[in-house]
């Protein structure tokens, strides 16, 4: 997979989102949670942790000219969710655009942020 492939973008977006003050973590999508629940339980082993990238989805736009990044965040209490979500949006967009530019792939990027919960 190239450096501008989906896996690389997931890593870049997750790192940028988790660096935002007020983000407690990333919420995995339902498919990741179901897969983890369906995995056989292993006795005497360390539980498998869901990677942060599971809370990010990166898809090519329908016309193939850019990327759409979806971020699912869990926030900490005490801050305005709107401000944190805007900050996540801006930082993820900037990080992904910079990553693509570094690899010679200047493509449009859209980002959507969903706040899934507020951590105690």
C-alpha atoms as a PDB file:
ATOM      1  CA  UNK A   1       0.000   0.000   0.000  1.00  0.00           C
ATOM      2  CA  UNK A   2       1.304   3.434  -0.835  1.00  0.00           C
ATOM      3  CA  UNK A   3       2.010   6.157   1.696  1.00  0.00           C
ATOM      4  CA  UNK A   4      -1.159   7.900   0.535  1.00  0.00           C
ATOM      5  CA  UNK A   5      -3.320   4.790   0.902  1.00  0.00           C
ATOM      6  CA  UNK A   6      -6.188   4.358   3.296  1.00  0.00           C
ATOM      7  CA  UNK A   7      -4.134   2.819   6.118  1.00  0.00           C
ATOM      8  CA  UNK A   8      -1.658   5.701   6.149  1.00  0.00           C
ATOM      9  CA  UNK A   9      -4.477   8.262   6.144  1.00  0.00           C
ATOM     10  CA  UNK A  10      -6.186   6.473   9.047  1.00  0.00           C
ATOM     11  CA  UNK A  11      -2.982   6.698  11.080  1.00  0.00           C
ATOM     12  CA  UNK A  12      -2.436  10.377  10.262  1.00  0.00           C
ATOM     13  CA  UNK A  13      -6.044  11.309  11.018  1.00  0.00           C
ATOM     14  CA  UNK A  14      -6.127   9.330  14.291  1.00  0.00           C
ATOM     15  CA  UNK A  15      -2.903  10.915  15.505  1.00  0.00           C
ATOM     16  CA  UNK A  16      -4.175  14.414  14.693  1.00  0.00           C
ATOM     17  CA  UNK A  17      -7.559  13.845  16.359  1.00  0.00           C
ATOM     18  CA  UNK A  18      -6.058  12.352  19.526  1.00  0.00           C
ATOM     19  CA  UNK A  19      -3.693  15.340  19.862  1.00  0.00           C
ATOM     20  CA  UNK A  20      -6.627  17.738  20.296  1.00  0.00           C
ATOM     21  CA  UNK A  21      -7.148  18.812  23.926  1.00  0.00           C
ATOM     22  CA  UNK A  22     -10.493  17.498  25.138  1.00  0.00           C
ATOM     23  CA  UNK A  23     -10.478  14.319  23.030  1.00  0.00           C
ATOM     24  CA  UNK A  24     -10.540  11.316  25.375  1.00  0.00           C
ATOM     25  CA  UNK A  25     -10.404   8.774  22.567  1.00  0.00           C
ATOM     26  CA  UNK A  26     -11.882   7.599  19.311  1.00  0.00           C
ATOM     27  CA  UNK A  27     -15.048   5.482  19.173  1.00  0.00           C
ATOM     28  CA  UNK A  28     -14.813   2.441  16.904  1.00  0.00           C
ATOM     29  CA  UNK A  29     -17.496   2.031  14.282  1.00  0.00           C
ATOM     30  CA  UNK A  30     -20.124  -0.637  14.811  1.00  0.00           C
ATOM     31  CA  UNK A  31     -18.397  -3.041  12.423  1.00  0.00           C
ATOM     32  CA  UNK A  32     -15.212  -2.953  14.533  1.00  0.00           C
ATOM     33  CA  UNK A  33     -17.155  -3.449  17.761  1.00  0.00           C
ATOM     34  CA  UNK A  34     -19.097  -6.391  16.326  1.00  0.00           C
ATOM     35  CA  UNK A  35     -15.927  -7.998  15.002  1.00  0.00           C
ATOM     36  CA  UNK A  36     -14.279  -7.651  18.421  1.00  0.00           C
ATOM     37  CA  UNK A  37     -17.321  -9.137  20.145  1.00  0.00           C
ATOM     38  CA  UNK A  38     -17.418 -12.059  17.718  1.00  0.00           C
ATOM     39  CA  UNK A  39     -13.725 -12.869  18.137  1.00  0.00           C
ATOM     40  CA  UNK A  40     -13.179 -15.968  20.252  1.00  0.00           C
ATOM     41  CA  UNK A  41     -12.278 -15.238  23.855  1.00  0.00           C
ATOM     42  CA  UNK A  42      -8.785 -16.389  24.683  1.00  0.00           C
ATOM     43  CA  UNK A  43      -8.100 -17.666  28.171  1.00  0.00           C
ATOM     44  CA  UNK A  44      -5.019 -16.341  29.951  1.00  0.00           C
ATOM     45  CA  UNK A  45      -4.206 -13.738  27.314  1.00  0.00           C
ATOM     46  CA  UNK A  46      -4.142  -9.989  27.329  1.00  0.00           C
ATOM     47  CA  UNK A  47      -7.371  -8.578  25.897  1.00  0.00           C
ATOM     48  CA  UNK A  48      -7.052  -7.184  22.406  1.00  0.00           C
ATOM     49  CA  UNK A  49      -7.287  -3.404  22.263  1.00  0.00           C
ATOM     50  CA  UNK A  50      -9.072  -1.722  19.434  1.00  0.00           C
ATOM     51  CA  UNK A  51      -6.610   0.485  17.545  1.00  0.00           C
ATOM     52  CA  UNK A  52      -7.414   4.213  17.486  1.00  0.00           C
ATOM     53  CA  UNK A  53      -7.741   4.044  13.716  1.00  0.00           C
ATOM     54  CA  UNK A  54     -10.961   2.065  14.226  1.00  0.00           C
ATOM     55  CA  UNK A  55     -12.600   5.398  15.104  1.00  0.00           C
ATOM     56  CA  UNK A  56     -11.627   6.856  11.722  1.00  0.00           C
ATOM     57  CA  UNK A  57     -13.015   6.075   8.300  1.00  0.00           C
ATOM     58  CA  UNK A  58     -11.300   7.216   5.107  1.00  0.00           C
ATOM     59  CA  UNK A  59     -13.028   6.800   1.765  1.00  0.00           C
ATOM     60  CA  UNK A  60     -12.339   8.066  -1.714  1.00  0.00           C
ATOM     61  CA  UNK A  61     -14.923  10.552  -2.946  1.00  0.00           C
ATOM     62  CA  UNK A  62     -17.411   9.074  -5.439  1.00  0.00           C
ATOM     63  CA  UNK A  63     -15.643  10.686  -8.390  1.00  0.00           C
ATOM     64  CA  UNK A  64     -12.215   9.564  -7.106  1.00  0.00           C
ATOM     65  CA  UNK A  65     -10.823  13.083  -6.951  1.00  0.00           C
ATOM     66  CA  UNK A  66     -10.242  13.307  -3.197  1.00  0.00           C
ATOM     67  CA  UNK A  67     -10.864  11.869   0.248  1.00  0.00           C
ATOM     68  CA  UNK A  68     -13.613  12.007   2.851  1.00  0.00           C
ATOM     69  CA  UNK A  69     -12.508  11.384   6.437  1.00  0.00           C
ATOM     70  CA  UNK A  70     -15.015  10.533   9.174  1.00  0.00           C
ATOM     71  CA  UNK A  71     -13.891  10.906  12.800  1.00  0.00           C
ATOM     72  CA  UNK A  72     -15.860   9.496  15.770  1.00  0.00           C
ATOM     73  CA  UNK A  73     -14.715  11.150  19.033  1.00  0.00           C
ATOM     74  CA  UNK A  74     -15.250  10.608  22.729  1.00  0.00           C
ATOM     75  CA  UNK A  75     -14.701  13.900  24.554  1.00  0.00           C
ATOM     76  CA  UNK A  76     -13.750  14.826  28.094  1.00  0.00           C
ATOM     77  CA  UNK A  77     -16.056  16.836  30.344  1.00  0.00           C
ATOM     78  CA  UNK A  78     -15.575  20.493  31.025  1.00  0.00           C
ATOM     79  CA  UNK A  79     -15.167  21.836  27.508  1.00  0.00           C
ATOM     80  CA  UNK A  80     -17.595  22.845  24.805  1.00  0.00           C
ATOM     81  CA  UNK A  81     -18.162  19.931  22.456  1.00  0.00           C
ATOM     82  CA  UNK A  82     -18.583  22.266  19.492  1.00  0.00           C
ATOM     83  CA  UNK A  83     -15.180  23.882  20.046  1.00  0.00           C
ATOM     84  CA  UNK A  84     -13.445  20.520  20.357  1.00  0.00           C
ATOM     85  CA  UNK A  85     -15.216  19.128  17.287  1.00  0.00           C
ATOM     86  CA  UNK A  86     -14.180  22.166  15.227  1.00  0.00           C
ATOM     87  CA  UNK A  87     -10.609  21.799  16.428  1.00  0.00           C
ATOM     88  CA  UNK A  88     -10.620  18.079  15.523  1.00  0.00           C
ATOM     89  CA  UNK A  89     -12.033  18.928  12.094  1.00  0.00           C
ATOM     90  CA  UNK A  90      -9.388  21.550  11.398  1.00  0.00           C
ATOM     91  CA  UNK A  91      -6.433  19.524  12.690  1.00  0.00           C
ATOM     92  CA  UNK A  92      -7.419  16.320  10.905  1.00  0.00           C
ATOM     93  CA  UNK A  93      -7.997  18.173   7.630  1.00  0.00           C
ATOM     94  CA  UNK A  94      -4.646  19.968   7.918  1.00  0.00           C
ATOM     95  CA  UNK A  95      -2.763  16.770   8.822  1.00  0.00           C
ATOM     96  CA  UNK A  96      -4.271  14.729   5.984  1.00  0.00           C
ATOM     97  CA  UNK A  97      -3.735  17.498   3.417  1.00  0.00           C
ATOM     98  CA  UNK A  98      -0.110  17.896   4.559  1.00  0.00           C
ATOM     99  CA  UNK A  99       0.423  14.128   4.406  1.00  0.00           C
ATOM    100  CA  UNK A 100      -0.978  13.943   0.884  1.00  0.00           C
ATOM    101  CA  UNK A 101       1.081  16.951  -0.247  1.00  0.00           C
ATOM    102  CA  UNK A 102       4.243  15.404   1.188  1.00  0.00           C
ATOM    103  CA  UNK A 103       3.633  12.386  -1.035  1.00  0.00           C
ATOM    104  CA  UNK A 104       2.838  14.438  -4.141  1.00  0.00           C
ATOM    105  CA  UNK A 105      -0.911  13.840  -4.039  1.00  0.00           C
ATOM    106  CA  UNK A 106      -2.553  17.233  -3.643  1.00  0.00           C
ATOM    107  CA  UNK A 107      -6.198  16.167  -3.443  1.00  0.00           C
ATOM    108  CA  UNK A 108      -9.269  17.733  -1.837  1.00  0.00           C
ATOM    109  CA  UNK A 109     -10.158  16.471   1.635  1.00  0.00           C
ATOM    110  CA  UNK A 110     -13.450  16.752   3.492  1.00  0.00           C
ATOM    111  CA  UNK A 111     -13.776  15.856   7.165  1.00  0.00           C
ATOM    112  CA  UNK A 112     -16.831  15.103   9.276  1.00  0.00           C
ATOM    113  CA  UNK A 113     -16.639  14.814  13.055  1.00  0.00           C
ATOM    114  CA  UNK A 114     -19.183  12.986  15.182  1.00  0.00           C
ATOM    115  CA  UNK A 115     -19.137  13.296  18.958  1.00  0.00           C
ATOM    116  CA  UNK A 116     -20.277   9.898  20.216  1.00  0.00           C
ATOM    117  CA  UNK A 117     -20.089  10.513  23.966  1.00  0.00           C
ATOM    118  CA  UNK A 118     -18.642  12.549  26.818  1.00  0.00           C
ATOM    119  CA  UNK A 119     -16.314  10.613  29.144  1.00  0.00           C
ATOM    120  CA  UNK A 120     -16.646  11.016  32.891  1.00  0.00           C
END
